[in-house]
Amino acid sequence: MNGSKDANLLYRIGHFLVRFCFRVFGRIDVVGTECVPTFGPVIVVSNHLSLNDPPLLVAAIPRPLYFIGKQELFGNPVFRFLMRGFHVSPFNRSSAGIDAMRALMQNLERDRAVVIFPEGTRSPDHTLQKGMLGVVYLAMKSQAPILPVAVIGTNKFPLWRIPFPFKKMKASIGPPFTLPIIEGKPSRAVMNSLLDMVMGRIADQLPPELHGVYSRKRITNTAEPTG
């Protein structure tokens, strides 16, 4: 119980500090906070630009967030304390995502807001990359609403400059939505269609030049018959 209280206190302190630093020593613009459900489970999905993305989400979203992180981050006692204080659950990358899915489901069952970066890794060119199906499996299994968020500008400064970013950043939050209920086992094509729905909602919060593989023009060109 004390560990849980310490973690909640550390998160509240961190939430205050990143908001203070981003506002005083940076220029943070948050749009759409009224879209954030005030209670109940929710899956926050966001594009992934840099290691600064989680702190920006913590500063932008007015309720506690829960993350997953690779197990290697928990080897050092100090890092382990900080990771747990900021609601990061460890997962083993060799477990084919089972550990990650279990941790995310446990938090959703406790009516928490969990964060997923569906691209799976940081975007090399800062545009939206192809998403991974894990977010669809989680949404279908939990039936939790999905909250799309786009982060912009977090790639413009290194992680160590979090207290003094001196850069403009933005978090654009879209309306929550749920995936349609699919009877039986969905086909791969259906799963990919649902993934495109999720990624498209993130793209809707980004400027067109950052839509990447989810650019409407690119999707249209791909769909057109050739020859």
C-alpha atoms as a PDB file:
ATOM      1  CA  MET A   1       0.000   0.000   0.000  1.00  0.00           C
ATOM      2  CA  ASN A   2       2.807   2.443   0.875  1.00  0.00           C
ATOM      3  CA  GLY A   3       4.492   1.682  -2.432  1.00  0.00           C
ATOM      4  CA  SER A   4       1.291   2.568  -4.270  1.00  0.00           C
ATOM      5  CA  LYS A   5       0.957   5.832  -2.349  1.00  0.00           C
ATOM      6  CA  ASP A   6       4.592   6.716  -3.062  1.00  0.00           C
ATOM      7  CA  ALA A   7       4.088   6.004  -6.761  1.00  0.00           C
ATOM      8  CA  ASN A   8       0.957   8.169  -6.917  1.00  0.00           C
ATOM      9  CA  LEU A   9       2.744  10.995  -5.108  1.00  0.00           C
ATOM     10  CA  LEU A  10       5.742  10.797  -7.451  1.00  0.00           C
ATOM     11  CA  TYR A  11       3.442  10.841 -10.478  1.00  0.00           C
ATOM     12  CA  ARG A  12       1.586  13.914  -9.192  1.00  0.00           C
ATOM     13  CA  ILE A  13       4.887  15.697  -8.565  1.00  0.00           C
ATOM     14  CA  GLY A  14       6.130  14.726 -12.028  1.00  0.00           C
ATOM     15  CA  HIS A  15       2.865  15.860 -13.627  1.00  0.00           C
ATOM     16  CA  PHE A  16       3.204  19.255 -11.962  1.00  0.00           C
ATOM     17  CA  LEU A  17       6.888  19.622 -12.868  1.00  0.00           C
ATOM     18  CA  VAL A  18       6.564  18.769 -16.558  1.00  0.00           C
ATOM     19  CA  ARG A  19       3.589  21.089 -16.933  1.00  0.00           C
ATOM     20  CA  PHE A  20       5.522  23.863 -15.181  1.00  0.00           C
ATOM     21  CA  CYS A  21       8.718  23.340 -17.217  1.00  0.00           C
ATOM     22  CA  PHE A  22       6.928  23.003 -20.552  1.00  0.00           C
ATOM     23  CA  ARG A  23       4.951  26.175 -19.924  1.00  0.00           C
ATOM     24  CA  VAL A  24       7.694  28.331 -18.398  1.00  0.00           C
ATOM     25  CA  PHE A  25      10.736  27.089 -20.340  1.00  0.00           C
ATOM     26  CA  GLY A  26       8.935  25.970 -23.478  1.00  0.00           C
ATOM     27  CA  ARG A  27       5.785  26.671 -25.443  1.00  0.00           C
ATOM     28  CA  ILE A  28       3.243  23.921 -24.990  1.00  0.00           C
ATOM     29  CA  ASP A  29      -0.072  23.962 -26.826  1.00  0.00           C
ATOM     30  CA  VAL A  30      -2.689  21.416 -25.765  1.00  0.00           C
ATOM     31  CA  VAL A  31      -5.872  21.089 -27.814  1.00  0.00           C
ATOM     32  CA  GLY A  32      -8.863  18.892 -27.029  1.00  0.00           C
ATOM     33  CA  THR A  33      -8.568  18.226 -23.282  1.00  0.00           C
ATOM     34  CA  GLU A  34     -12.368  18.253 -23.164  1.00  0.00           C
ATOM     35  CA  CYS A  35     -12.253  14.990 -25.156  1.00  0.00           C
ATOM     36  CA  VAL A  36     -10.498  13.084 -22.354  1.00  0.00           C
ATOM     37  CA  PRO A  37     -12.921  10.766 -20.489  1.00  0.00           C
ATOM     38  CA  THR A  38     -12.846  11.716 -16.817  1.00  0.00           C
ATOM     39  CA  PHE A  39     -13.222   8.138 -15.585  1.00  0.00           C
ATOM     40  CA  GLY A  40     -13.284   4.556 -16.775  1.00  0.00           C
ATOM     41  CA  PRO A  41     -10.817   2.595 -18.899  1.00  0.00           C
ATOM     42  CA  VAL A  42      -9.342   4.275 -21.955  1.00  0.00           C
ATOM     43  CA  ILE A  43      -6.598   3.416 -24.445  1.00  0.00           C
ATOM     44  CA  VAL A  44      -4.535   6.483 -25.342  1.00  0.00           C
ATOM     45  CA  VAL A  45      -2.924   5.996 -28.775  1.00  0.00           C
ATOM     46  CA  SER A  46      -0.286   8.386 -30.060  1.00  0.00           C
ATOM     47  CA  ASN A  47       2.326   8.799 -32.752  1.00  0.00           C
ATOM     48  CA  HIS A  48       5.889   8.332 -31.507  1.00  0.00           C
ATOM     49  CA  LEU A  49       8.594  10.897 -32.242  1.00  0.00           C
ATOM     50  CA  SER A  50      11.033  10.682 -29.335  1.00  0.00           C
ATOM     51  CA  LEU A  51      11.606   9.734 -25.704  1.00  0.00           C
ATOM     52  CA  ASN A  52      10.037  13.080 -24.822  1.00  0.00           C
ATOM     53  CA  ASP A  53       6.586  11.870 -25.910  1.00  0.00           C
ATOM     54  CA  PRO A  54       5.555  10.271 -22.567  1.00  0.00           C
ATOM     55  CA  PRO A  55       6.383  13.428 -20.546  1.00  0.00           C
ATOM     56  CA  LEU A  56       4.377  15.524 -23.000  1.00  0.00           C
ATOM     57  CA  LEU A  57       1.404  13.177 -22.676  1.00  0.00           C
ATOM     58  CA  VAL A  58       1.692  13.313 -18.876  1.00  0.00           C
ATOM     59  CA  ALA A  59       1.646  17.117 -19.066  1.00  0.00           C
ATOM     60  CA  ALA A  60      -1.215  17.260 -21.573  1.00  0.00           C
ATOM     61  CA  ILE A  61      -3.730  14.697 -20.312  1.00  0.00           C
ATOM     62  CA  PRO A  62      -5.502  15.619 -17.056  1.00  0.00           C
ATOM     63  CA  ARG A  63      -5.689  12.136 -15.540  1.00  0.00           C
ATOM     64  CA  PRO A  64      -3.030   9.601 -14.509  1.00  0.00           C
ATOM     65  CA  LEU A  65      -1.524   7.611 -17.383  1.00  0.00           C
ATOM     66  CA  TYR A  66      -0.081   4.100 -17.296  1.00  0.00           C
ATOM     67  CA  PHE A  67       2.722   2.968 -19.590  1.00  0.00           C
ATOM     68  CA  ILE A  68       4.669  -0.169 -20.453  1.00  0.00           C
ATOM     69  CA  GLY A  69       8.468  -0.252 -20.800  1.00  0.00           C
ATOM     70  CA  LYS A  70      11.061  -2.839 -21.700  1.00  0.00           C
ATOM     71  CA  GLN A  71      12.304  -4.885 -18.758  1.00  0.00           C
ATOM     72  CA  GLU A  72      15.884  -3.651 -19.193  1.00  0.00           C
ATOM     73  CA  LEU A  73      14.846  -0.223 -17.896  1.00  0.00           C
ATOM     74  CA  PHE A  74      14.150  -1.728 -14.463  1.00  0.00           C
ATOM     75  CA  GLY A  75      17.607  -3.214 -13.817  1.00  0.00           C
ATOM     76  CA  ASN A  76      18.945  -0.182 -11.944  1.00  0.00           C
ATOM     77  CA  PRO A  77      17.264   0.395  -8.518  1.00  0.00           C
ATOM     78  CA  VAL A  78      16.983   4.145  -9.132  1.00  0.00           C
ATOM     79  CA  PHE A  79      15.466   3.669 -12.595  1.00  0.00           C
ATOM     80  CA  ARG A  80      13.160   0.979 -11.205  1.00  0.00           C
ATOM     81  CA  PHE A  81      11.889   3.410  -8.568  1.00  0.00           C
ATOM     82  CA  LEU A  82      11.332   6.137 -11.163  1.00  0.00           C
ATOM     83  CA  MET A  83       9.688   3.798 -13.680  1.00  0.00           C
ATOM     84  CA  ARG A  84       7.226   2.496 -11.123  1.00  0.00           C
ATOM     85  CA  GLY A  85       6.644   6.017  -9.808  1.00  0.00           C
ATOM     86  CA  PHE A  86       5.592   7.103 -13.282  1.00  0.00           C
ATOM     87  CA  HIS A  87       3.275   4.101 -13.712  1.00  0.00           C
ATOM     88  CA  VAL A  88       5.501   2.153 -16.105  1.00  0.00           C
ATOM     89  CA  SER A  89       5.017  -1.638 -16.047  1.00  0.00           C
ATOM     90  CA  PRO A  90       7.877  -3.838 -17.292  1.00  0.00           C
ATOM     91  CA  PHE A  91       7.488  -6.312 -20.135  1.00  0.00           C
ATOM     92  CA  ASN A  92       9.780  -8.912 -21.629  1.00  0.00           C
ATOM     93  CA  ARG A  93      10.394  -8.225 -25.322  1.00  0.00           C
ATOM     94  CA  SER A  94      10.999 -11.932 -25.942  1.00  0.00           C
ATOM     95  CA  SER A  95       7.484 -12.896 -24.786  1.00  0.00           C
ATOM     96  CA  ALA A  96       5.803 -11.981 -28.104  1.00  0.00           C
ATOM     97  CA  GLY A  97       3.871  -9.163 -26.434  1.00  0.00           C
ATOM     98  CA  ILE A  98       2.122 -11.382 -23.874  1.00  0.00           C
ATOM     99  CA  ASP A  99       3.638  -9.533 -20.879  1.00  0.00           C
ATOM    100  CA  ALA A 100       2.741  -6.165 -22.358  1.00  0.00           C
ATOM    101  CA  MET A 101      -0.830  -7.192 -23.140  1.00  0.00           C
ATOM    102  CA  ARG A 102      -1.289  -8.619 -19.642  1.00  0.00           C
ATOM    103  CA  ALA A 103      -0.044  -5.412 -17.966  1.00  0.00           C
ATOM    104  CA  LEU A 104      -2.227  -3.223 -20.177  1.00  0.00           C
ATOM    105  CA  MET A 105      -5.326  -5.353 -19.570  1.00  0.00           C
ATOM    106  CA  GLN A 106      -4.776  -5.327 -15.811  1.00  0.00           C
ATOM    107  CA  ASN A 107      -4.689  -1.534 -15.815  1.00  0.00           C
ATOM    108  CA  LEU A 108      -7.771  -1.266 -18.027  1.00  0.00           C
ATOM    109  CA  GLU A 109      -9.636  -3.627 -15.713  1.00  0.00           C
ATOM    110  CA  ARG A 110      -8.864  -1.124 -12.945  1.00  0.00           C
ATOM    111  CA  ASP A 111     -10.481   1.675 -14.998  1.00  0.00           C
ATOM    112  CA  ARG A 112      -7.144   3.301 -15.810  1.00  0.00           C
ATOM    113  CA  ALA A 113      -5.889   5.173 -18.874  1.00  0.00           C
ATOM    114  CA  VAL A 114      -3.123   3.250 -20.643  1.00  0.00           C
ATOM    115  CA  VAL A 115      -0.803   4.576 -23.331  1.00  0.00           C
ATOM    116  CA  ILE A 116       0.201   2.751 -26.520  1.00  0.00           C
ATOM    117  CA  PHE A 117       2.407   3.932 -29.358  1.00  0.00           C
ATOM    118  CA  PRO A 118       0.979   1.734 -32.149  1.00  0.00           C
ATOM    119  CA  GLU A 119       3.943   2.313 -34.458  1.00  0.00           C
ATOM    120  CA  GLY A 120       6.002   0.279 -31.988  1.00  0.00           C
ATOM    121  CA  THR A 121       9.073   2.481 -32.277  1.00  0.00           C
ATOM    122  CA  ARG A 122      10.057   6.087 -32.884  1.00  0.00           C
ATOM    123  CA  SER A 123       9.418   7.361 -36.390  1.00  0.00           C
ATOM    124  CA  PRO A 124      12.725   7.874 -38.255  1.00  0.00           C
ATOM    125  CA  ASP A 125      11.364  10.724 -40.401  1.00  0.00           C
ATOM    126  CA  HIS A 126       8.789  12.031 -37.876  1.00  0.00           C
ATOM    127  CA  THR A 127       5.837  11.092 -40.106  1.00  0.00           C
ATOM    128  CA  LEU A 128       3.231   8.498 -39.146  1.00  0.00           C
ATOM    129  CA  GLN A 129       4.496   4.960 -39.754  1.00  0.00           C
ATOM    130  CA  LYS A 130       2.583   1.714 -40.257  1.00  0.00           C
ATOM    131  CA  GLY A 131       0.862   0.665 -37.040  1.00  0.00           C
ATOM    132  CA  MET A 132       1.030  -2.733 -35.343  1.00  0.00           C
ATOM    133  CA  LEU A 133      -1.989  -4.935 -34.635  1.00  0.00           C
ATOM    134  CA  GLY A 134      -1.452  -5.112 -30.862  1.00  0.00           C
ATOM    135  CA  VAL A 135      -3.611  -2.046 -30.277  1.00  0.00           C
ATOM    136  CA  VAL A 136      -6.502  -3.673 -32.161  1.00  0.00           C
ATOM    137  CA  TYR A 137      -6.239  -6.882 -30.117  1.00  0.00           C
ATOM    138  CA  LEU A 138      -6.223  -4.833 -26.906  1.00  0.00           C
ATOM    139  CA  ALA A 139      -9.202  -2.699 -27.936  1.00  0.00           C
ATOM    140  CA  MET A 140     -11.231  -5.729 -29.020  1.00  0.00           C
ATOM    141  CA  LYS A 141     -10.425  -7.711 -25.887  1.00  0.00           C
ATOM    142  CA  SER A 142     -11.086  -4.867 -23.446  1.00  0.00           C
ATOM    143  CA  GLN A 143     -13.853  -3.024 -25.368  1.00  0.00           C
ATOM    144  CA  ALA A 144     -12.303   0.152 -23.926  1.00  0.00           C
ATOM    145  CA  PRO A 145     -12.691   3.448 -25.789  1.00  0.00           C
ATOM    146  CA  ILE A 146      -9.684   4.706 -27.737  1.00  0.00           C
ATOM    147  CA  LEU A 147      -8.408   8.270 -27.350  1.00  0.00           C
ATOM    148  CA  PRO A 148      -6.303   9.441 -30.333  1.00  0.00           C
ATOM    149  CA  VAL A 149      -3.528  11.936 -29.598  1.00  0.00           C
ATOM    150  CA  ALA A 150      -0.939  13.524 -31.878  1.00  0.00           C
ATOM    151  CA  VAL A 151       2.305  14.908 -30.464  1.00  0.00           C
ATOM    152  CA  ILE A 152       4.326  17.463 -32.397  1.00  0.00           C
ATOM    153  CA  GLY A 153       7.719  19.027 -31.660  1.00  0.00           C
ATOM    154  CA  THR A 154       9.018  16.534 -29.092  1.00  0.00           C
ATOM    155  CA  ASN A 155      11.793  15.500 -31.494  1.00  0.00           C
ATOM    156  CA  LYS A 156      13.376  18.957 -31.418  1.00  0.00           C
ATOM    157  CA  PHE A 157      15.320  18.562 -28.163  1.00  0.00           C
ATOM    158  CA  PRO A 158      17.128  15.719 -26.326  1.00  0.00           C
ATOM    159  CA  LEU A 159      15.636  13.966 -23.289  1.00  0.00           C
ATOM    160  CA  TRP A 160      18.087  15.550 -20.861  1.00  0.00           C
ATOM    161  CA  ARG A 161      16.634  18.968 -21.741  1.00  0.00           C
ATOM    162  CA  ILE A 162      13.148  18.065 -20.511  1.00  0.00           C
ATOM    163  CA  PRO A 163      13.357  20.650 -17.662  1.00  0.00           C
ATOM    164  CA  PHE A 164      14.378  23.395 -20.123  1.00  0.00           C
ATOM    165  CA  PRO A 165      13.110  22.473 -23.596  1.00  0.00           C
ATOM    166  CA  PHE A 166      12.956  26.028 -25.036  1.00  0.00           C
ATOM    167  CA  LYS A 167      10.940  24.606 -27.927  1.00  0.00           C
ATOM    168  CA  LYS A 168       7.339  24.700 -29.114  1.00  0.00           C
ATOM    169  CA  MET A 169       5.377  21.477 -28.558  1.00  0.00           C
ATOM    170  CA  LYS A 170       1.794  20.503 -29.192  1.00  0.00           C
ATOM    171  CA  ALA A 171      -0.557  17.723 -28.129  1.00  0.00           C
ATOM    172  CA  SER A 172      -3.750  17.463 -30.147  1.00  0.00           C
ATOM    173  CA  ILE A 173      -6.405  15.229 -28.579  1.00  0.00           C
ATOM    174  CA  GLY A 174      -9.250  13.890 -30.674  1.00  0.00           C
ATOM    175  CA  PRO A 175     -12.675  12.534 -29.684  1.00  0.00           C
ATOM    176  CA  PRO A 176     -12.690   9.029 -28.150  1.00  0.00           C
ATOM    177  CA  PHE A 177     -14.153   6.205 -30.206  1.00  0.00           C
ATOM    178  CA  THR A 178     -14.680   2.444 -30.013  1.00  0.00           C
ATOM    179  CA  LEU A 179     -14.035  -0.254 -32.571  1.00  0.00           C
ATOM    180  CA  PRO A 180     -17.064  -2.064 -34.017  1.00  0.00           C
ATOM    181  CA  ILE A 181     -17.887  -5.403 -32.425  1.00  0.00           C
ATOM    182  CA  ILE A 182     -16.860  -8.268 -34.693  1.00  0.00           C
ATOM    183  CA  GLU A 183     -18.649 -11.613 -34.402  1.00  0.00           C
ATOM    184  CA  GLY A 184     -16.367 -14.646 -34.484  1.00  0.00           C
ATOM    185  CA  LYS A 185     -12.693 -14.534 -35.302  1.00  0.00           C
ATOM    186  CA  PRO A 186     -11.897 -11.560 -37.577  1.00  0.00           C
ATOM    187  CA  SER A 187      -9.821 -12.118 -40.679  1.00  0.00           C
ATOM    188  CA  ARG A 188      -6.430 -10.509 -41.185  1.00  0.00           C
ATOM    189  CA  ALA A 189      -8.003  -8.091 -43.656  1.00  0.00           C
ATOM    190  CA  VAL A 190     -10.604  -7.022 -41.084  1.00  0.00           C
ATOM    191  CA  MET A 191      -7.914  -6.572 -38.426  1.00  0.00           C
ATOM    192  CA  ASN A 192      -5.883  -4.397 -40.775  1.00  0.00           C
ATOM    193  CA  SER A 193      -8.975  -2.356 -41.590  1.00  0.00           C
ATOM    194  CA  LEU A 194      -9.551  -1.747 -37.869  1.00  0.00           C
ATOM    195  CA  LEU A 195      -5.898  -0.788 -37.471  1.00  0.00           C
ATOM    196  CA  ASP A 196      -6.241   1.709 -40.313  1.00  0.00           C
ATOM    197  CA  MET A 197      -9.222   3.181 -38.462  1.00  0.00           C
ATOM    198  CA  VAL A 198      -7.123   3.684 -35.325  1.00  0.00           C
ATOM    199  CA  MET A 199      -4.139   5.133 -37.189  1.00  0.00           C
ATOM    200  CA  GLY A 200      -6.409   7.327 -39.289  1.00  0.00           C
ATOM    201  CA  ARG A 201      -7.789   8.933 -36.119  1.00  0.00           C
ATOM    202  CA  ILE A 202      -4.232   9.771 -35.053  1.00  0.00           C
ATOM    203  CA  ALA A 203      -3.488  11.131 -38.536  1.00  0.00           C
ATOM    204  CA  ASP A 204      -6.575  13.367 -38.265  1.00  0.00           C
ATOM    205  CA  GLN A 205      -4.838  15.177 -35.378  1.00  0.00           C
ATOM    206  CA  LEU A 206      -1.612  15.742 -37.363  1.00  0.00           C
ATOM    207  CA  PRO A 207      -0.894  18.286 -40.096  1.00  0.00           C
ATOM    208  CA  PRO A 208      -1.121  16.679 -43.583  1.00  0.00           C
ATOM    209  CA  GLU A 209       2.641  16.675 -44.140  1.00  0.00           C
ATOM    210  CA  LEU A 210       3.070  14.329 -41.150  1.00  0.00           C
ATOM    211  CA  HIS A 211       0.422  11.758 -42.147  1.00  0.00           C
ATOM    212  CA  GLY A 212       3.117   9.494 -43.612  1.00  0.00           C
ATOM    213  CA  VAL A 213       1.770   6.122 -44.777  1.00  0.00           C
ATOM    214  CA  TYR A 214      -1.711   7.249 -43.717  1.00  0.00           C
ATOM    215  CA  SER A 215      -1.761  10.172 -46.129  1.00  0.00           C
ATOM    216  CA  ARG A 216      -5.123  10.232 -47.895  1.00  0.00           C
ATOM    217  CA  LYS A 217      -3.346  10.858 -51.209  1.00  0.00           C
ATOM    218  CA  ARG A 218      -1.039   7.878 -50.715  1.00  0.00           C
ATOM    219  CA  ILE A 219      -3.896   5.595 -49.673  1.00  0.00           C
ATOM    220  CA  THR A 220      -5.933   6.686 -52.709  1.00  0.00           C
ATOM    221  CA  ASN A 221      -3.018   6.087 -55.065  1.00  0.00           C
ATOM    222  CA  THR A 222      -2.423   2.651 -53.565  1.00  0.00           C
ATOM    223  CA  ALA A 223      -6.067   1.709 -54.014  1.00  0.00           C
ATOM    224  CA  GLU A 224      -6.183   2.725 -57.667  1.00  0.00           C
ATOM    225  CA  PRO A 225      -5.837  -0.140 -60.197  1.00  0.00           C
ATOM    226  CA  THR A 226      -2.732  -0.123 -62.348  1.00  0.00           C
ATOM    227  CA  GLY A 227      -2.041  -1.389 -65.837  1.00  0.00           C
END
